[in-house]
Protein backbone atom coordinates (compact mmCIF):
# COMPACT_ATOMS: atom_id res chain seq x y z
CA MET A 1 1.20 -35.42 -31.94
CA ALA A 2 2.87 -38.82 -32.28
CA GLY A 3 4.25 -40.85 -35.14
CA ILE A 4 4.99 -44.39 -36.26
CA TYR A 5 8.10 -45.31 -38.24
CA ILE A 6 8.33 -48.69 -39.96
CA HIS A 7 11.84 -49.71 -41.01
CA ILE A 8 12.10 -51.98 -44.06
CA PRO A 9 15.85 -52.71 -44.20
CA PHE A 10 15.98 -54.42 -47.60
CA CYS A 11 17.67 -53.27 -50.78
CA LYS A 12 18.07 -55.05 -54.11
CA LYS A 13 21.69 -53.85 -54.07
CA ARG A 14 23.73 -51.60 -51.80
CA CYS A 15 24.67 -48.02 -52.70
CA THR A 16 28.34 -47.09 -52.45
CA TYR A 17 27.70 -44.16 -50.05
CA CYS A 18 25.24 -45.82 -47.68
CA ASP A 19 26.07 -46.75 -44.09
CA PHE A 20 22.45 -47.36 -42.98
CA TYR A 21 21.53 -50.82 -41.79
CA THR A 22 20.18 -52.66 -44.84
CA GLU A 23 20.57 -56.14 -46.29
CA VAL A 24 20.17 -57.75 -49.69
CA ALA A 25 18.10 -60.70 -48.43
CA PRO A 26 14.66 -60.77 -50.11
CA LYS A 27 13.86 -64.28 -48.84
CA LEU A 28 13.56 -62.84 -45.34
CA ILE A 29 10.88 -60.30 -46.26
CA PRO A 30 7.82 -62.46 -45.35
CA LYS A 31 9.27 -63.39 -41.94
CA LEU A 32 10.22 -59.78 -41.27
CA VAL A 33 6.70 -58.54 -42.08
CA ASP A 34 5.25 -61.08 -39.63
CA SER A 35 7.75 -59.94 -36.97
CA ILE A 36 6.92 -56.26 -37.53
CA VAL A 37 3.26 -57.05 -36.93
CA LYS A 38 4.19 -58.88 -33.72
CA GLU A 39 6.27 -55.94 -32.54
CA LEU A 40 3.34 -53.60 -33.18
CA HIS A 41 1.23 -55.79 -30.91
CA PHE A 42 3.95 -55.99 -28.24
CA ARG A 43 4.33 -52.22 -28.15
CA LYS A 44 0.78 -50.98 -28.67
CA ASP A 45 0.88 -49.11 -25.35
CA TYR A 46 4.22 -47.35 -25.94
CA LEU A 47 2.60 -44.11 -27.12
CA GLN A 48 -0.09 -44.25 -24.42
CA ASN A 49 -2.99 -44.05 -26.86
CA ALA A 50 -1.75 -40.78 -28.37
CA THR A 51 -3.31 -39.83 -31.68
CA ILE A 52 -1.02 -40.86 -34.54
CA GLN A 53 -0.61 -38.04 -37.04
CA THR A 54 2.21 -39.46 -39.15
CA ILE A 55 3.14 -42.91 -40.42
CA TYR A 56 6.39 -43.34 -42.31
CA PHE A 57 7.71 -46.42 -44.10
CA GLY A 58 11.48 -45.93 -44.46
CA GLY A 59 14.45 -48.06 -45.35
CA GLY A 60 16.14 -49.57 -47.10
CA THR A 61 13.51 -49.78 -49.77
CA PRO A 62 9.88 -50.05 -48.58
CA SER A 63 8.72 -50.18 -52.21
CA ILE A 64 10.18 -53.70 -52.29
CA LEU A 65 7.07 -54.89 -50.37
CA ASP A 66 4.03 -56.18 -52.22
CA ILE A 67 0.40 -55.18 -51.69
CA LYS A 68 -0.34 -58.09 -49.32
CA GLN A 69 2.63 -57.26 -47.10
CA PHE A 70 1.73 -53.56 -46.89
CA THR A 71 -1.89 -54.50 -46.15
CA VAL A 72 -0.95 -56.81 -43.26
CA ILE A 73 1.12 -54.04 -41.63
CA PHE A 74 -1.55 -51.38 -42.11
CA LYS A 75 -4.22 -53.69 -40.70
CA ALA A 76 -2.21 -54.04 -37.50
CA ILE A 77 -1.48 -50.30 -37.26
CA TYR A 78 -5.13 -49.30 -37.64
CA LYS A 79 -6.27 -51.99 -35.21
CA LEU A 80 -3.78 -51.11 -32.46
CA PHE A 81 -3.37 -47.33 -32.70
CA ASN A 82 -5.58 -44.26 -32.86
CA ILE A 83 -4.89 -42.89 -36.34
CA ASP A 84 -5.86 -39.31 -37.19
CA SER A 85 -8.17 -39.15 -40.21
CA ASN A 86 -5.83 -36.60 -41.80
CA ALA A 87 -2.61 -38.42 -40.94
CA GLU A 88 0.37 -37.93 -43.25
CA ILE A 89 1.30 -41.41 -44.50
CA THR A 90 4.58 -41.64 -46.41
CA PHE A 91 6.63 -44.36 -48.04
CA GLU A 92 10.14 -44.16 -49.43
CA ALA A 93 10.78 -45.67 -52.84
CA ASN A 94 13.43 -46.27 -55.46
CA PRO A 95 12.50 -44.80 -58.86
CA ASP A 96 12.73 -48.09 -60.77
CA ASP A 97 10.05 -49.63 -58.53
CA LEU A 98 7.54 -46.91 -59.36
CA THR A 99 5.94 -48.34 -62.46
CA PRO A 100 2.29 -47.80 -63.44
CA HIS A 101 1.62 -51.40 -62.35
CA PHE A 102 3.10 -50.73 -58.89
CA PHE A 103 0.87 -47.69 -58.38
CA GLN A 104 -2.18 -49.64 -59.51
CA THR A 105 -1.49 -52.36 -56.93
CA ILE A 106 -1.17 -49.90 -54.02
CA SER A 107 -4.08 -47.66 -55.04
CA ASN A 108 -6.26 -48.82 -52.14
CA LEU A 109 -3.58 -48.30 -49.50
CA PRO A 110 -3.75 -45.11 -47.37
CA PHE A 111 -0.48 -43.59 -48.63
CA ASN A 112 -0.82 -39.87 -49.38
CA ARG A 113 2.87 -38.90 -49.62
CA ILE A 114 5.86 -40.43 -51.37
CA SER A 115 9.58 -39.80 -50.93
CA ILE A 116 11.62 -40.86 -53.96
CA GLY A 117 15.34 -41.55 -53.57
CA ILE A 118 16.58 -40.04 -56.80
CA GLN A 119 19.98 -38.69 -55.57
CA SER A 120 20.97 -37.62 -59.11
CA PHE A 121 19.52 -37.34 -62.61
CA GLU A 122 22.97 -37.90 -64.14
CA ASP A 123 23.59 -41.48 -65.28
CA GLU A 124 27.32 -41.40 -64.56
CA ASP A 125 26.64 -40.27 -60.98
CA LEU A 126 24.10 -43.03 -60.54
CA LYS A 127 26.50 -45.72 -61.78
CA ARG A 128 29.18 -44.44 -59.41
CA LEU A 129 26.71 -44.58 -56.51
CA ASN A 130 25.54 -48.07 -57.55
CA ARG A 131 21.96 -46.88 -57.87
CA ARG A 132 19.47 -49.10 -59.69
CA HIS A 133 17.82 -46.45 -61.85
CA THR A 134 18.73 -44.07 -64.64
CA GLY A 135 18.05 -40.35 -64.86
CA THR A 136 15.17 -40.99 -67.26
CA GLU A 137 13.64 -43.55 -64.91
CA ALA A 138 13.82 -41.00 -62.09
CA ILE A 139 11.80 -38.49 -64.09
CA ASP A 140 9.35 -41.19 -65.18
CA ALA A 141 8.88 -42.26 -61.54
CA VAL A 142 7.74 -38.77 -60.58
CA LYS A 143 5.41 -38.59 -63.59
CA ASN A 144 3.92 -41.99 -62.74
CA ALA A 145 3.28 -40.87 -59.15
CA GLN A 146 1.57 -37.71 -60.42
CA LYS A 147 -0.57 -39.64 -62.91
CA HIS A 148 -1.74 -41.91 -60.11
CA GLY A 149 -2.93 -39.09 -57.88
CA PHE A 150 0.04 -38.28 -55.64
CA GLN A 151 0.01 -34.55 -54.94
CA ASN A 152 2.62 -34.59 -52.17
CA ILE A 153 5.88 -35.81 -53.68
CA SER A 154 9.32 -35.43 -52.15
CA ILE A 155 12.62 -36.27 -53.83
CA ASP A 156 16.11 -36.77 -52.38
CA LEU A 157 19.17 -35.28 -54.07
CA ILE A 158 22.87 -35.37 -53.17
CA TYR A 159 25.34 -32.61 -54.01
CA GLY A 160 29.12 -32.65 -53.83
CA LEU A 161 29.30 -35.94 -55.72
CA PRO A 162 32.67 -37.00 -57.17
CA TYR A 163 33.48 -35.05 -60.35
CA GLN A 164 30.45 -32.80 -59.87
CA ASP A 165 30.90 -29.07 -60.43
CA ILE A 166 28.67 -26.08 -59.77
CA ASN A 167 27.18 -26.12 -63.28
CA LYS A 168 26.29 -29.81 -63.06
CA TRP A 169 24.60 -29.15 -59.71
CA ARG A 170 22.72 -26.19 -61.22
CA ASN A 171 21.40 -28.51 -63.92
CA GLN A 172 20.31 -31.06 -61.29
CA LEU A 173 18.24 -28.40 -59.56
CA LYS A 174 16.70 -27.27 -62.85
CA ILE A 175 15.53 -30.80 -63.64
CA ALA A 176 14.17 -31.27 -60.10
CA LEU A 177 12.15 -28.07 -60.34
CA ASP A 178 10.93 -28.76 -63.86
CA ILE A 179 9.20 -31.98 -62.79
CA ASP A 180 7.08 -30.01 -60.30
CA VAL A 181 7.51 -31.77 -56.96
CA GLN A 182 6.35 -30.31 -53.65
CA HIS A 183 9.35 -31.13 -51.47
CA ILE A 184 13.09 -31.53 -51.98
CA SER A 185 15.60 -32.95 -49.51
CA ALA A 186 19.16 -32.15 -50.58
CA TYR A 187 22.18 -33.46 -48.71
CA GLY A 188 25.89 -32.77 -49.08
CA LEU A 189 27.74 -36.01 -49.71
CA THR A 190 29.65 -37.37 -46.74
CA TYR A 191 32.16 -40.19 -47.00
CA GLU A 192 31.10 -42.53 -44.20
CA GLU A 193 33.89 -44.76 -42.96
CA GLY A 194 33.66 -48.31 -44.22
CA THR A 195 31.48 -47.58 -47.25
CA VAL A 196 32.65 -48.38 -50.77
CA LEU A 197 32.80 -44.69 -51.63
CA TRP A 198 34.94 -43.98 -48.55
CA LYS A 199 37.37 -46.74 -49.53
CA GLN A 200 37.59 -45.36 -53.08
CA CYS A 201 38.28 -41.91 -51.66
CA GLU A 202 40.97 -43.26 -49.33
CA ASN A 203 42.63 -45.02 -52.28
CA GLY A 204 42.61 -41.87 -54.40
CA GLU A 205 40.27 -43.40 -56.97
CA LEU A 206 37.85 -40.46 -56.98
CA LYS A 207 37.99 -36.74 -57.65
CA THR A 208 36.39 -35.31 -54.51
CA ILE A 209 34.86 -31.87 -54.07
CA ASP A 210 36.59 -29.24 -51.92
CA ASP A 211 34.84 -27.45 -49.06
CA ASP A 212 34.61 -24.15 -50.92
CA THR A 213 32.77 -25.77 -53.82
CA MET A 214 30.48 -27.60 -51.40
CA ASN A 215 29.59 -24.29 -49.77
CA ARG A 216 28.95 -22.68 -53.16
CA MET A 217 26.67 -25.58 -54.08
CA TYR A 218 24.71 -25.15 -50.88
CA LEU A 219 24.35 -21.40 -51.41
CA LEU A 220 23.12 -22.07 -54.95
CA LEU A 221 20.62 -24.52 -53.48
CA LEU A 222 19.33 -21.91 -51.01
CA LYS A 223 19.06 -19.20 -53.66
CA THR A 224 17.35 -21.45 -56.19
CA MET A 225 14.84 -22.83 -53.71
CA GLN A 226 13.94 -19.36 -52.50
CA GLN A 227 13.45 -18.08 -56.05
CA LYS A 228 11.10 -20.97 -56.83
CA GLY A 229 8.95 -20.51 -53.73
CA PHE A 230 10.37 -23.30 -51.57
CA GLU A 231 10.85 -22.61 -47.87
CA ALA A 232 14.15 -23.73 -46.33
CA TYR A 233 12.48 -25.00 -43.17
CA GLU A 234 15.45 -27.17 -42.16
CA ILE A 235 19.08 -27.12 -43.29
CA SER A 236 18.56 -29.87 -45.87
CA ASN A 237 14.81 -29.71 -46.45
CA PHE A 238 12.79 -27.42 -48.72
CA ALA A 239 9.05 -27.34 -49.21
CA LYS A 240 6.39 -25.45 -51.10
CA PRO A 241 3.83 -23.79 -48.79
CA GLY A 242 1.80 -26.42 -46.97
CA PHE A 243 4.11 -29.32 -47.86
CA LYS A 244 6.62 -29.56 -45.01
CA SER A 245 7.23 -33.14 -43.94
CA LYS A 246 5.05 -33.50 -40.85
CA HIS A 247 6.84 -36.69 -39.86
CA ASN A 248 10.35 -35.25 -39.96
CA THR A 249 9.14 -32.03 -38.34
CA SER A 250 7.86 -34.10 -35.41
CA TYR A 251 11.43 -35.39 -34.90
CA TRP A 252 12.82 -31.85 -34.90
CA LYS A 253 10.13 -30.72 -32.47
CA GLN A 254 10.84 -33.73 -30.25
CA GLN A 255 7.43 -35.31 -30.46
CA PRO A 256 7.11 -38.96 -29.35
CA TYR A 257 7.31 -41.73 -31.94
CA ILE A 258 7.63 -45.47 -32.13
CA GLY A 259 10.13 -47.12 -34.47
CA VAL A 260 9.33 -50.66 -35.56
CA GLY A 261 11.65 -53.11 -37.31
CA PRO A 262 15.39 -53.94 -37.16
CA SER A 263 17.54 -50.95 -36.07
CA ALA A 264 14.50 -48.67 -35.70
CA HIS A 265 14.63 -46.05 -32.92
CA SER A 266 11.83 -44.90 -30.61
CA TYR A 267 11.45 -41.87 -28.38
CA ASP A 268 8.89 -41.12 -25.67
CA ILE A 269 10.44 -37.89 -24.31
CA LYS A 270 11.69 -39.67 -21.19
CA SER A 271 13.80 -42.29 -22.94
CA ARG A 272 15.22 -43.56 -26.23
CA GLN A 273 15.29 -47.14 -27.38
CA TRP A 274 16.68 -48.85 -30.44
CA ASN A 275 16.05 -52.26 -31.92
CA ILE A 276 18.80 -54.74 -32.71
CA SER A 277 20.48 -54.12 -36.07
CA SER A 278 20.12 -57.60 -37.52
CA ILE A 279 17.14 -58.91 -39.45
CA GLN A 280 17.71 -62.53 -38.49
CA LYS A 281 18.33 -61.81 -34.78
CA TYR A 282 15.34 -59.43 -34.70
CA ILE A 283 13.07 -62.11 -36.17
CA SER A 284 14.38 -64.76 -33.78
CA LEU A 285 14.06 -62.58 -30.66
CA ILE A 286 10.58 -61.35 -31.56
CA ASN A 287 9.31 -64.87 -32.20
CA ASN A 288 10.77 -66.19 -28.96
CA ASN A 289 9.40 -63.32 -26.86
CA LEU A 290 12.90 -62.18 -25.94
CA PRO A 291 14.15 -58.59 -25.58
CA PHE A 292 14.94 -57.16 -29.03
CA PHE A 293 15.95 -53.61 -28.10
CA GLU A 294 18.14 -51.56 -25.81
CA LYS A 295 16.90 -48.59 -23.82
CA GLU A 296 18.41 -45.41 -22.37
CA GLU A 297 16.72 -43.19 -19.80
CA LEU A 298 17.41 -39.55 -20.68
CA SER A 299 19.06 -37.18 -18.21
CA ILE A 300 18.38 -33.44 -18.24
CA TYR A 301 21.66 -33.00 -20.15
CA ASP A 302 20.63 -35.58 -22.75
CA LYS A 303 17.35 -33.76 -23.30
CA TYR A 304 19.10 -30.40 -23.54
CA ASN A 305 21.62 -31.76 -26.06
CA ASP A 306 18.83 -33.27 -28.16
CA TYR A 307 17.00 -29.96 -28.15
CA ILE A 308 20.11 -28.09 -29.27
CA MET A 309 20.89 -30.54 -32.08
CA VAL A 310 17.45 -30.63 -33.62
CA SER A 311 16.28 -27.06 -33.01
CA LEU A 312 19.27 -25.29 -34.55
CA ARG A 313 18.86 -27.18 -37.81
CA THR A 314 15.43 -25.66 -38.35
CA LYS A 315 14.25 -22.30 -39.61
CA ASP A 316 12.33 -21.78 -36.34
CA GLY A 317 15.54 -22.08 -34.37
CA LEU A 318 15.83 -22.41 -30.62
CA ASP A 319 13.42 -20.75 -28.22
CA ILE A 320 15.48 -19.09 -25.47
CA ASN A 321 12.59 -19.05 -23.00
CA THR A 322 12.09 -22.77 -23.54
CA LEU A 323 15.70 -23.36 -22.53
CA GLU A 324 15.08 -22.20 -18.98
CA ALA A 325 11.55 -23.56 -18.70
CA TYR A 326 12.58 -27.06 -19.79
CA PHE A 327 16.20 -27.31 -18.72
CA GLY A 328 16.78 -24.71 -15.99
CA ALA A 329 18.81 -21.53 -15.57
CA GLU A 330 22.19 -23.30 -15.54
CA LEU A 331 21.85 -24.78 -19.04
CA LYS A 332 20.32 -21.59 -20.38
CA GLU A 333 23.32 -19.60 -19.16
CA PHE A 334 25.70 -22.23 -20.54
CA CYS A 335 24.11 -21.90 -23.96
CA LEU A 336 24.04 -18.08 -23.97
CA LYS A 337 27.68 -17.93 -22.86
CA ASN A 338 28.82 -20.27 -25.62
CA ILE A 339 26.93 -18.53 -28.43
CA LYS A 340 28.37 -15.10 -27.66
CA SER A 341 31.25 -15.25 -30.15
CA PHE A 342 29.00 -16.71 -32.86
CA VAL A 343 26.49 -13.88 -32.44
CA GLU A 344 29.29 -11.29 -32.55
CA ASN A 345 30.66 -12.88 -35.74
CA LYS A 346 27.16 -12.96 -37.27
CA LYS A 347 27.12 -16.74 -37.46
CA MET A 348 24.03 -16.69 -35.21
CA GLU A 349 21.30 -14.19 -34.45
CA ILE A 350 18.81 -13.62 -31.67
CA LYS A 351 15.47 -12.27 -32.82
CA ASP A 352 12.01 -12.38 -31.23
CA GLY A 353 13.30 -14.63 -28.46
CA LYS A 354 14.65 -17.19 -30.95
CA LEU A 355 18.25 -18.18 -31.53
CA ARG A 356 18.96 -19.09 -35.15
CA LEU A 357 21.87 -19.89 -37.42
CA THR A 358 22.55 -17.27 -40.07
CA GLN A 359 23.53 -18.27 -43.59
CA LYS A 360 27.18 -18.03 -42.54
CA GLY A 361 26.44 -20.12 -39.47
CA ILE A 362 24.79 -22.88 -41.49
CA MET A 363 28.13 -23.46 -43.21
CA ILE A 364 29.68 -24.41 -39.85
CA SER A 365 26.51 -25.70 -38.18
CA ASN A 366 28.11 -28.89 -36.85
CA LEU A 367 30.90 -26.89 -35.19
CA ILE A 368 28.43 -24.50 -33.56
CA ILE A 369 26.18 -27.28 -32.32
CA MET A 370 29.16 -29.11 -30.80
CA GLU A 371 30.14 -25.94 -28.92
CA LEU A 372 26.69 -25.85 -27.34
CA ILE A 373 26.57 -29.50 -26.33
CA LYS A 374 26.88 -30.13 -22.59
CA VAL A 375 29.19 -33.06 -21.91
C-alpha cells in the first residue's frame, strides 16, 4: 500500500489558529500547478512502482483549484503511477466553496471522498477563528455533497474553543451527527506560538478553556461517538463501519507515501524528505532543475520513535512482538521498562500482545509517548 499527497498551500484568508504553511496568493496558483506536475514527473520512481491506494489533496484549500487545474494534476498522476481501481481519493474543502455549481464542475473527476473543514457550526466561533463560512453554510455544504453523490464525507471540528462550554460542545456534536456524515475528526484546540489566537491568548484577550473542561469535552466526544456507532480508531478520528480514512491510516501504519508541493513530506520507510516551505522558491527551484527538498536517512532509533508516536494514537495500539522483530531486543526492553508505571496506574494496558492507551492514558497521551521515545 502506498499513497500520494498533494499539498495546495493557498487560502483566501488565514485562520487565527493555523500554523500550517499556507499563503494568500491566488495569482501563483497556475504556476504552482505546473510545478506540481513537474515534481510528479521528477519523482515518478520514488515509490518504486508500488500500487497507489490513496490520493489526498490537502492544504491550505484544495477546493480553490478549478476543474482544469485538478484535471492537469490527475492526468499526470494516472500517467506516472499505478493507481488501484478502488483507490480512496480525497480532497479537503472549505464549506463556502462547496456550492452546487462547484460539484457540477468536478463531477467527472475521480474524487470519492471529501473532508470538509467546518471546525464549528457556531457563527461567533467562526468569526473568532477568521473562518470564511457560517454555520448554515457548513450544513449546506454537507447537503450539497450528499446531493451530488458523495457517500464518504468527513468533517473537521475543534473543541475547547474560547468561551466554549460543555453544553455548547454537546450541541456541536448533535448538529454534526444530525447531518449524517460518515467520518468526524475532532481536535482539541492548541494555541500554536506565533498565531493570531496565541497572541490574543498571551494578551489576555480571550477566555480560554481549562484542562479539566477540555478533558470533559473529550470524554463527551468519546461517549457520543460510541453511542452513535462511530469507532474511535485514532485519538482524534471517528468513523462509521467501513469509513476509516485509508490515507491517514496508512500514515499511522507507516506505509510509504510521496508528498508533492511546497512543504509536503514524503516517507519511503528508509528515509524522510520534506519540500521547501515557500511557494515562490519551490516554483523557482523546480523550474530550474535545482534541489527543492531536504532529506534525512532514518536510524533504527528514528524508526522506533516513529512507530511509538503513531501506533499509540490508534485503537490497534502497539504490537509488542513487532517491537523486537523490527527494532531489536534492546528497544523492546526499553519500551517495556518505561511503560511499567503506566500499566500499574491503568493508563496503559497489555492485551493480546498489544500495548494500548486506556481512556485515562489518552488524557496524557503526549506525556506517555515522550516517556517511550529513545533520545
